[in-house]
Structures are given as structure tokens and as C-alpha cells.
Amino acid sequence: SELLPPSGPHAPLSDEQLAIYESALDALHAGHWGETLSLLDRYTSGDLAKDFLRIFIAQNEYEPPRDWDGVISLAVK
């Protein structure tokens, strides 16, 4: 699941930015982390979800784990 910002004429993110982020998530789930990073580079700055994904990828040395199933498991809440 994911939270989405408000939509409409004063939305903080454009439809293009949302599409880029969703494409980045699809690439992440598929294990294409290089593509994920490229897409995130095109996404707006100052987004904590983007930062979280970049840190997660870096912590895994830029390669999906051998048993990658597209799920990011968190040890604590």
C-alpha cells in the first residue's frame, strides 16, 4: 500500500511525477534496481519515500538479495 498526495490543480506532485514513481516501484519489485535508481533520479527531490528506497538499495549493495520477492521487510515499526 502507499499514501498518495492530494490531487487537483494545487497538487504537490504532477501526474508525470507520480507515473515516474510508480515506474520506479515496478522496477524495484522486479529486481531492476539500476532502472529504479535512474527513475528515482528523475523524481522530485525532498521526498522521504524516495530517500528510503535509495538507502534500502544502497544497504543491499545495489543488488537485490538472491531471494528477493519484491517485499521490503522492516525489523521494527
PDB file of N, CA and C in Angstrom:
ATOM      1  N   SER A   1       0.843  -1.177   0.000  1.00  0.00           N
ATOM      2  CA  SER A   1       0.000   0.000   0.000  1.00  0.00           C
ATOM      3  C   SER A   1       0.887   1.237   0.000  1.00  0.00           C
ATOM      4  N   GLU A   2       0.304   2.353  -0.367  1.00  0.00           N
ATOM      5  CA  GLU A   2       1.056   3.598  -0.377  1.00  0.00           C
ATOM      6  C   GLU A   2       0.098   4.764  -0.174  1.00  0.00           C
ATOM      7  N   LEU A   3       0.634   5.812   0.396  1.00  0.00           N
ATOM      8  CA  LEU A   3      -0.130   7.032   0.563  1.00  0.00           C
ATOM      9  C   LEU A   3       0.096   7.906  -0.659  1.00  0.00           C
ATOM     10  N   LEU A   4      -0.948   8.552  -1.120  1.00  0.00           N
ATOM     11  CA  LEU A   4      -0.830   9.462  -2.250  1.00  0.00           C
ATOM     12  C   LEU A   4      -1.145  10.875  -1.788  1.00  0.00           C
ATOM     13  N   PRO A   5      -0.455  11.843  -2.371  1.00  0.00           N
ATOM     14  CA  PRO A   5      -0.752  13.231  -2.018  1.00  0.00           C
ATOM     15  C   PRO A   5      -2.080  13.662  -2.610  1.00  0.00           C
ATOM     16  N   PRO A   6      -2.597  14.796  -2.174  1.00  0.00           N
ATOM     17  CA  PRO A   6      -3.848  15.301  -2.748  1.00  0.00           C
ATOM     18  C   PRO A   6      -3.712  15.506  -4.257  1.00  0.00           C
ATOM     19  N   SER A   7      -4.807  15.375  -4.966  1.00  0.00           N
ATOM     20  CA  SER A   7      -4.802  15.605  -6.410  1.00  0.00           C
ATOM     21  C   SER A   7      -5.517  16.911  -6.706  1.00  0.00           C
ATOM     22  N   GLY A   8      -5.468  17.324  -7.951  1.00  0.00           N
ATOM     23  CA  GLY A   8      -6.147  18.551  -8.351  1.00  0.00           C
ATOM     24  C   GLY A   8      -5.153  19.609  -8.807  1.00  0.00           C
ATOM     25  N   PRO A   9      -5.636  20.791  -9.079  1.00  0.00           N
ATOM     26  CA  PRO A   9      -4.785  21.837  -9.654  1.00  0.00           C
ATOM     27  C   PRO A   9      -3.665  22.307  -8.725  1.00  0.00           C
ATOM     28  N   HIS A  10      -3.801  22.115  -7.435  1.00  0.00           N
ATOM     29  CA  HIS A  10      -2.770  22.566  -6.494  1.00  0.00           C
ATOM     30  C   HIS A  10      -2.015  21.386  -5.874  1.00  0.00           C
ATOM     31  N   ALA A  11      -2.021  20.270  -6.546  1.00  0.00           N
ATOM     32  CA  ALA A  11      -1.357  19.066  -6.045  1.00  0.00           C
ATOM     33  C   ALA A  11       0.153  19.289  -5.980  1.00  0.00           C
ATOM     34  N   PRO A  12       0.807  18.763  -4.941  1.00  0.00           N
ATOM     35  CA  PRO A  12       2.257  18.943  -4.817  1.00  0.00           C
ATOM     36  C   PRO A  12       3.059  18.133  -5.834  1.00  0.00           C
ATOM     37  N   LEU A  13       2.451  17.084  -6.415  1.00  0.00           N
ATOM     38  CA  LEU A  13       3.124  16.253  -7.417  1.00  0.00           C
ATOM     39  C   LEU A  13       2.289  16.218  -8.682  1.00  0.00           C
ATOM     40  N   SER A  14       2.969  16.282  -9.808  1.00  0.00           N
ATOM     41  CA  SER A  14       2.274  16.204 -11.094  1.00  0.00           C
ATOM     42  C   SER A  14       1.948  14.745 -11.419  1.00  0.00           C
ATOM     43  N   ASP A  15       1.074  14.552 -12.380  1.00  0.00           N
ATOM     44  CA  ASP A  15       0.768  13.197 -12.837  1.00  0.00           C
ATOM     45  C   ASP A  15       2.032  12.531 -13.380  1.00  0.00           C
ATOM     46  N   GLU A  16       2.888  13.312 -14.025  1.00  0.00           N
ATOM     47  CA  GLU A  16       4.152  12.768 -14.560  1.00  0.00           C
ATOM     48  C   GLU A  16       5.044  12.271 -13.422  1.00  0.00           C
ATOM     49  N   GLN A  17       5.150  13.049 -12.356  1.00  0.00           N
ATOM     50  CA  GLN A  17       5.978  12.635 -11.227  1.00  0.00           C
ATOM     51  C   GLN A  17       5.420  11.372 -10.572  1.00  0.00           C
ATOM     52  N   LEU A  18       4.111  11.282 -10.436  1.00  0.00           N
ATOM     53  CA  LEU A  18       3.506  10.071  -9.878  1.00  0.00           C
ATOM     54  C   LEU A  18       3.769   8.864 -10.767  1.00  0.00           C
ATOM     55  N   ALA A  19       3.703   9.051 -12.077  1.00  0.00           N
ATOM     56  CA  ALA A  19       3.964   7.955 -13.018  1.00  0.00           C
ATOM     57  C   ALA A  19       5.419   7.496 -12.918  1.00  0.00           C
ATOM     58  N   ILE A  20       6.342   8.442 -12.781  1.00  0.00           N
ATOM     59  CA  ILE A  20       7.760   8.089 -12.632  1.00  0.00           C
ATOM     60  C   ILE A  20       7.955   7.273 -11.362  1.00  0.00           C
ATOM     61  N   TYR A  21       7.348   7.712 -10.267  1.00  0.00           N
ATOM     62  CA  TYR A  21       7.498   6.998  -9.001  1.00  0.00           C
ATOM     63  C   TYR A  21       6.912   5.590  -9.098  1.00  0.00           C
ATOM     64  N   GLU A  22       5.757   5.466  -9.710  1.00  0.00           N
ATOM     65  CA  GLU A  22       5.151   4.139  -9.856  1.00  0.00           C
ATOM     66  C   GLU A  22       5.999   3.230 -10.741  1.00  0.00           C
ATOM     67  N   SER A  23       6.606   3.789 -11.780  1.00  0.00           N
ATOM     68  CA  SER A  23       7.518   3.002 -12.624  1.00  0.00           C
ATOM     69  C   SER A  23       8.746   2.566 -11.824  1.00  0.00           C
ATOM     70  N   ALA A  24       9.233   3.452 -10.953  1.00  0.00           N
ATOM     71  CA  ALA A  24      10.371   3.105 -10.097  1.00  0.00           C
ATOM     72  C   ALA A  24      10.009   1.954  -9.162  1.00  0.00           C
ATOM     73  N   LEU A  25       8.805   1.994  -8.601  1.00  0.00           N
ATOM     74  CA  LEU A  25       8.364   0.896  -7.730  1.00  0.00           C
ATOM     75  C   LEU A  25       8.237  -0.411  -8.501  1.00  0.00           C
ATOM     76  N   ASP A  26       7.703  -0.350  -9.716  1.00  0.00           N
ATOM     77  CA  ASP A  26       7.595  -1.560 -10.546  1.00  0.00           C
ATOM     78  C   ASP A  26       8.982  -2.142 -10.811  1.00  0.00           C
ATOM     79  N   ALA A  27       9.947  -1.281 -11.131  1.00  0.00           N
ATOM     80  CA  ALA A  27      11.313  -1.741 -11.394  1.00  0.00           C
ATOM     81  C   ALA A  27      11.930  -2.337 -10.128  1.00  0.00           C
ATOM     82  N   LEU A  28      11.698  -1.701  -8.991  1.00  0.00           N
ATOM     83  CA  LEU A  28      12.211  -2.218  -7.723  1.00  0.00           C
ATOM     84  C   LEU A  28      11.660  -3.610  -7.460  1.00  0.00           C
ATOM     85  N   HIS A  29      10.346  -3.770  -7.564  1.00  0.00           N
ATOM     86  CA  HIS A  29       9.717  -5.072  -7.309  1.00  0.00           C
ATOM     87  C   HIS A  29      10.244  -6.149  -8.248  1.00  0.00           C
ATOM     88  N   ALA A  30      10.528  -5.761  -9.493  1.00  0.00           N
ATOM     89  CA  ALA A  30      11.019  -6.721 -10.485  1.00  0.00           C
ATOM     90  C   ALA A  30      12.503  -7.031 -10.315  1.00  0.00           C
ATOM     91  N   GLY A  31      13.172  -6.306  -9.408  1.00  0.00           N
ATOM     92  CA  GLY A  31      14.595  -6.554  -9.182  1.00  0.00           C
ATOM     93  C   GLY A  31      15.510  -5.792 -10.123  1.00  0.00           C
ATOM     94  N   HIS A  32      14.994  -4.811 -10.827  1.00  0.00           N
ATOM     95  CA  HIS A  32      15.785  -3.989 -11.739  1.00  0.00           C
ATOM     96  C   HIS A  32      16.197  -2.708 -11.015  1.00  0.00           C
ATOM     97  N   TRP A  33      17.151  -2.855 -10.098  1.00  0.00           N
ATOM     98  CA  TRP A  33      17.470  -1.752  -9.199  1.00  0.00           C
ATOM     99  C   TRP A  33      18.221  -0.622  -9.886  1.00  0.00           C
ATOM    100  N   GLY A  34      18.986  -0.899 -10.925  1.00  0.00           N
ATOM    101  CA  GLY A  34      19.627   0.175 -11.681  1.00  0.00           C
ATOM    102  C   GLY A  34      18.581   1.074 -12.327  1.00  0.00           C
ATOM    103  N   GLU A  35      17.568   0.460 -12.909  1.00  0.00           N
ATOM    104  CA  GLU A  35      16.461   1.219 -13.501  1.00  0.00           C
ATOM    105  C   GLU A  35      15.701   1.991 -12.421  1.00  0.00           C
ATOM    106  N   THR A  36      15.527   1.368 -11.263  1.00  0.00           N
ATOM    107  CA  THR A  36      14.852   2.042 -10.155  1.00  0.00           C
ATOM    108  C   THR A  36      15.583   3.331  -9.798  1.00  0.00           C
ATOM    109  N   LEU A  37      16.896   3.239  -9.649  1.00  0.00           N
ATOM    110  CA  LEU A  37      17.686   4.418  -9.288  1.00  0.00           C
ATOM    111  C   LEU A  37      17.621   5.494 -10.360  1.00  0.00           C
ATOM    112  N   SER A  38      17.663   5.093 -11.620  1.00  0.00           N
ATOM    113  CA  SER A  38      17.564   6.065 -12.723  1.00  0.00           C
ATOM    114  C   SER A  38      16.232   6.806 -12.676  1.00  0.00           C
ATOM    115  N   LEU A  39      15.172   6.074 -12.424  1.00  0.00           N
ATOM    116  CA  LEU A  39      13.850   6.707 -12.342  1.00  0.00           C
ATOM    117  C   LEU A  39      13.745   7.616 -11.119  1.00  0.00           C
ATOM    118  N   LEU A  40      14.284   7.170 -10.001  1.00  0.00           N
ATOM    119  CA  LEU A  40      14.230   7.999  -8.806  1.00  0.00           C
ATOM    120  C   LEU A  40      15.021   9.293  -8.985  1.00  0.00           C
ATOM    121  N   ASP A  41      16.079   9.243  -9.798  1.00  0.00           N
ATOM    122  CA  ASP A  41      16.841  10.459 -10.095  1.00  0.00           C
ATOM    123  C   ASP A  41      15.983  11.491 -10.820  1.00  0.00           C
ATOM    124  N   ARG A  42      14.988  11.035 -11.560  1.00  0.00           N
ATOM    125  CA  ARG A  42      14.092  11.939 -12.298  1.00  0.00           C
ATOM    126  C   ARG A  42      12.927  12.429 -11.445  1.00  0.00           C
ATOM    127  N   TYR A  43      12.733  11.813 -10.308  1.00  0.00           N
ATOM    128  CA  TYR A  43      11.615  12.124  -9.422  1.00  0.00           C
ATOM    129  C   TYR A  43      11.963  13.338  -8.560  1.00  0.00           C
ATOM    130  N   THR A  44      10.958  13.998  -8.055  1.00  0.00           N
ATOM    131  CA  THR A  44      11.142  15.203  -7.250  1.00  0.00           C
ATOM    132  C   THR A  44      12.073  14.979  -6.059  1.00  0.00           C
ATOM    133  N   SER A  45      12.799  16.014  -5.693  1.00  0.00           N
ATOM    134  CA  SER A  45      13.680  15.908  -4.531  1.00  0.00           C
ATOM    135  C   SER A  45      12.886  16.186  -3.257  1.00  0.00           C
ATOM    136  N   GLY A  46      13.481  15.850  -2.133  1.00  0.00           N
ATOM    137  CA  GLY A  46      12.827  16.123  -0.863  1.00  0.00           C
ATOM    138  C   GLY A  46      11.718  15.155  -0.512  1.00  0.00           C
ATOM    139  N   ASP A  47      11.714  13.991  -1.129  1.00  0.00           N
ATOM    140  CA  ASP A  47      10.669  13.004  -0.869  1.00  0.00           C
ATOM    141  C   ASP A  47      11.253  11.902   0.013  1.00  0.00           C
ATOM    142  N   LEU A  48      10.682  11.686   1.181  1.00  0.00           N
ATOM    143  CA  LEU A  48      11.226  10.704   2.115  1.00  0.00           C
ATOM    144  C   LEU A  48      11.092   9.272   1.605  1.00  0.00           C
ATOM    145  N   ALA A  49      10.054   8.969   0.856  1.00  0.00           N
ATOM    146  CA  ALA A  49       9.907   7.618   0.301  1.00  0.00           C
ATOM    147  C   ALA A  49      11.030   7.344  -0.695  1.00  0.00           C
ATOM    148  N   LYS A  50      11.347   8.314  -1.520  1.00  0.00           N
ATOM    149  CA  LYS A  50      12.463   8.186  -2.464  1.00  0.00           C
ATOM    150  C   LYS A  50      13.762   7.939  -1.696  1.00  0.00           C
ATOM    151  N   ASP A  51      13.992   8.727  -0.655  1.00  0.00           N
ATOM    152  CA  ASP A  51      15.204   8.568   0.149  1.00  0.00           C
ATOM    153  C   ASP A  51      15.268   7.183   0.780  1.00  0.00           C
ATOM    154  N   PHE A  52      14.132   6.700   1.292  1.00  0.00           N
ATOM    155  CA  PHE A  52      14.077   5.371   1.894  1.00  0.00           C
ATOM    156  C   PHE A  52      14.483   4.296   0.881  1.00  0.00           C
ATOM    157  N   LEU A  53      13.933   4.379  -0.333  1.00  0.00           N
ATOM    158  CA  LEU A  53      14.250   3.371  -1.356  1.00  0.00           C
ATOM    159  C   LEU A  53      15.715   3.423  -1.746  1.00  0.00           C
ATOM    160  N   ARG A  54      16.268   4.614  -1.906  1.00  0.00           N
ATOM    161  CA  ARG A  54      17.682   4.755  -2.266  1.00  0.00           C
ATOM    162  C   ARG A  54      18.578   4.167  -1.167  1.00  0.00           C
ATOM    163  N   ILE A  55      18.243   4.435   0.087  1.00  0.00           N
ATOM    164  CA  ILE A  55      19.031   3.894   1.207  1.00  0.00           C
ATOM    165  C   ILE A  55      18.908   2.380   1.246  1.00  0.00           C
ATOM    166  N   PHE A  56      17.707   1.853   1.060  1.00  0.00           N
ATOM    167  CA  PHE A  56      17.494   0.402   1.059  1.00  0.00           C
ATOM    168  C   PHE A  56      18.339  -0.271  -0.022  1.00  0.00           C
ATOM    169  N   ILE A  57      18.343   0.299  -1.215  1.00  0.00           N
ATOM    170  CA  ILE A  57      19.129  -0.268  -2.314  1.00  0.00           C
ATOM    171  C   ILE A  57      20.615  -0.211  -1.982  1.00  0.00           C
ATOM    172  N   ALA A  58      21.074   0.905  -1.443  1.00  0.00           N
ATOM    173  CA  ALA A  58      22.491   1.046  -1.084  1.00  0.00           C
ATOM    174  C   ALA A  58      22.879   0.051   0.010  1.00  0.00           C
ATOM    175  N   GLN A  59      22.016  -0.148   0.997  1.00  0.00           N
ATOM    176  CA  GLN A  59      22.303  -1.095   2.077  1.00  0.00           C
ATOM    177  C   GLN A  59      22.439  -2.518   1.561  1.00  0.00           C
ATOM    178  N   ASN A  60      21.832  -2.797   0.417  1.00  0.00           N
ATOM    179  CA  ASN A  60      21.924  -4.125  -0.195  1.00  0.00           C
ATOM    180  C   ASN A  60      22.963  -4.163  -1.309  1.00  0.00           C
ATOM    181  N   GLU A  61      23.873  -3.175  -1.292  1.00  0.00           N
ATOM    182  CA  GLU A  61      24.977  -3.102  -2.246  1.00  0.00           C
ATOM    183  C   GLU A  61      24.495  -3.070  -3.690  1.00  0.00           C
ATOM    184  N   TYR A  62      23.362  -2.435  -3.917  1.00  0.00           N
ATOM    185  CA  TYR A  62      22.814  -2.147  -5.250  1.00  0.00           C
ATOM    186  C   TYR A  62      22.401  -3.383  -6.040  1.00  0.00           C
ATOM    187  N   GLU A  63      22.260  -4.501  -5.356  1.00  0.00           N
ATOM    188  CA  GLU A  63      21.802  -5.737  -5.986  1.00  0.00           C
ATOM    189  C   GLU A  63      20.696  -6.351  -5.142  1.00  0.00           C
ATOM    190  N   PRO A  64      19.615  -6.807  -5.760  1.00  0.00           N
ATOM    191  CA  PRO A  64      18.574  -7.469  -4.970  1.00  0.00           C
ATOM    192  C   PRO A  64      19.116  -8.738  -4.325  1.00  0.00           C
ATOM    193  N   PRO A  65      18.673  -9.045  -3.117  1.00  0.00           N
ATOM    194  CA  PRO A  65      19.085 -10.305  -2.497  1.00  0.00           C
ATOM    195  C   PRO A  65      18.679 -11.489  -3.385  1.00  0.00           C
ATOM    196  N   ARG A  66      19.386 -12.561  -3.228  1.00  0.00           N
ATOM    197  CA  ARG A  66      19.129 -13.757  -4.044  1.00  0.00           C
ATOM    198  C   ARG A  66      17.674 -14.208  -3.948  1.00  0.00           C
ATOM    199  N   ASP A  67      17.079 -14.060  -2.776  1.00  0.00           N
ATOM    200  CA  ASP A  67      15.694 -14.499  -2.571  1.00  0.00           C
ATOM    201  C   ASP A  67      14.694 -13.339  -2.665  1.00  0.00           C
ATOM    202  N   TRP A  68      15.043 -12.276  -3.394  1.00  0.00           N
ATOM    203  CA  TRP A  68      14.212 -11.074  -3.495  1.00  0.00           C
ATOM    204  C   TRP A  68      12.830 -11.424  -4.035  1.00  0.00           C
ATOM    205  N   ASP A  69      11.812 -11.034  -3.281  1.00  0.00           N
ATOM    206  CA  ASP A  69      10.433 -11.265  -3.712  1.00  0.00           C
ATOM    207  C   ASP A  69       9.663  -9.951  -3.885  1.00  0.00           C
ATOM    208  N   GLY A  70      10.390  -8.843  -3.861  1.00  0.00           N
ATOM    209  CA  GLY A  70       9.763  -7.548  -4.059  1.00  0.00           C
ATOM    210  C   GLY A  70       9.219  -6.911  -2.797  1.00  0.00           C
ATOM    211  N   VAL A  71       9.431  -7.560  -1.657  1.00  0.00           N
ATOM    212  CA  VAL A  71       8.898  -7.057  -0.396  1.00  0.00           C
ATOM    213  C   VAL A  71      10.045  -6.542   0.471  1.00  0.00           C
ATOM    214  N   ILE A  72       9.876  -5.331   0.993  1.00  0.00           N
ATOM    215  CA  ILE A  72      10.852  -4.780   1.921  1.00  0.00           C
ATOM    216  C   ILE A  72      10.332  -5.062   3.329  1.00  0.00           C
ATOM    217  N   SER A  73      11.022  -5.952   4.017  1.00  0.00           N
ATOM    218  CA  SER A  73      10.635  -6.309   5.378  1.00  0.00           C
ATOM    219  C   SER A  73      11.364  -5.394   6.358  1.00  0.00           C
ATOM    220  N   LEU A  74      10.635  -4.861   7.311  1.00  0.00           N
ATOM    221  CA  LEU A  74      11.219  -3.989   8.326  1.00  0.00           C
ATOM    222  C   LEU A  74      11.310  -4.738   9.649  1.00  0.00           C
ATOM    223  N   ALA A  75      12.447  -4.617  10.303  1.00  0.00           N
ATOM    224  CA  ALA A  75      12.656  -5.321  11.562  1.00  0.00           C
ATOM    225  C   ALA A  75      11.855  -4.709  12.706  1.00  0.00           C
ATOM    226  N   VAL A  76      11.647  -3.395  12.642  1.00  0.00           N
ATOM    227  CA  VAL A  76      10.880  -2.701  13.675  1.00  0.00           C
ATOM    228  C   VAL A  76       9.929  -1.729  13.034  1.00  0.00           C
ATOM    229  N   LYS A  77       8.931  -1.313  13.794  1.00  0.00           N
ATOM    230  CA  LYS A  77       7.975  -0.320  13.292  1.00  0.00           C
ATOM    231  C   LYS A  77       8.542   1.062  13.408  1.00  0.00           C
TER     232      LYS A  77
END
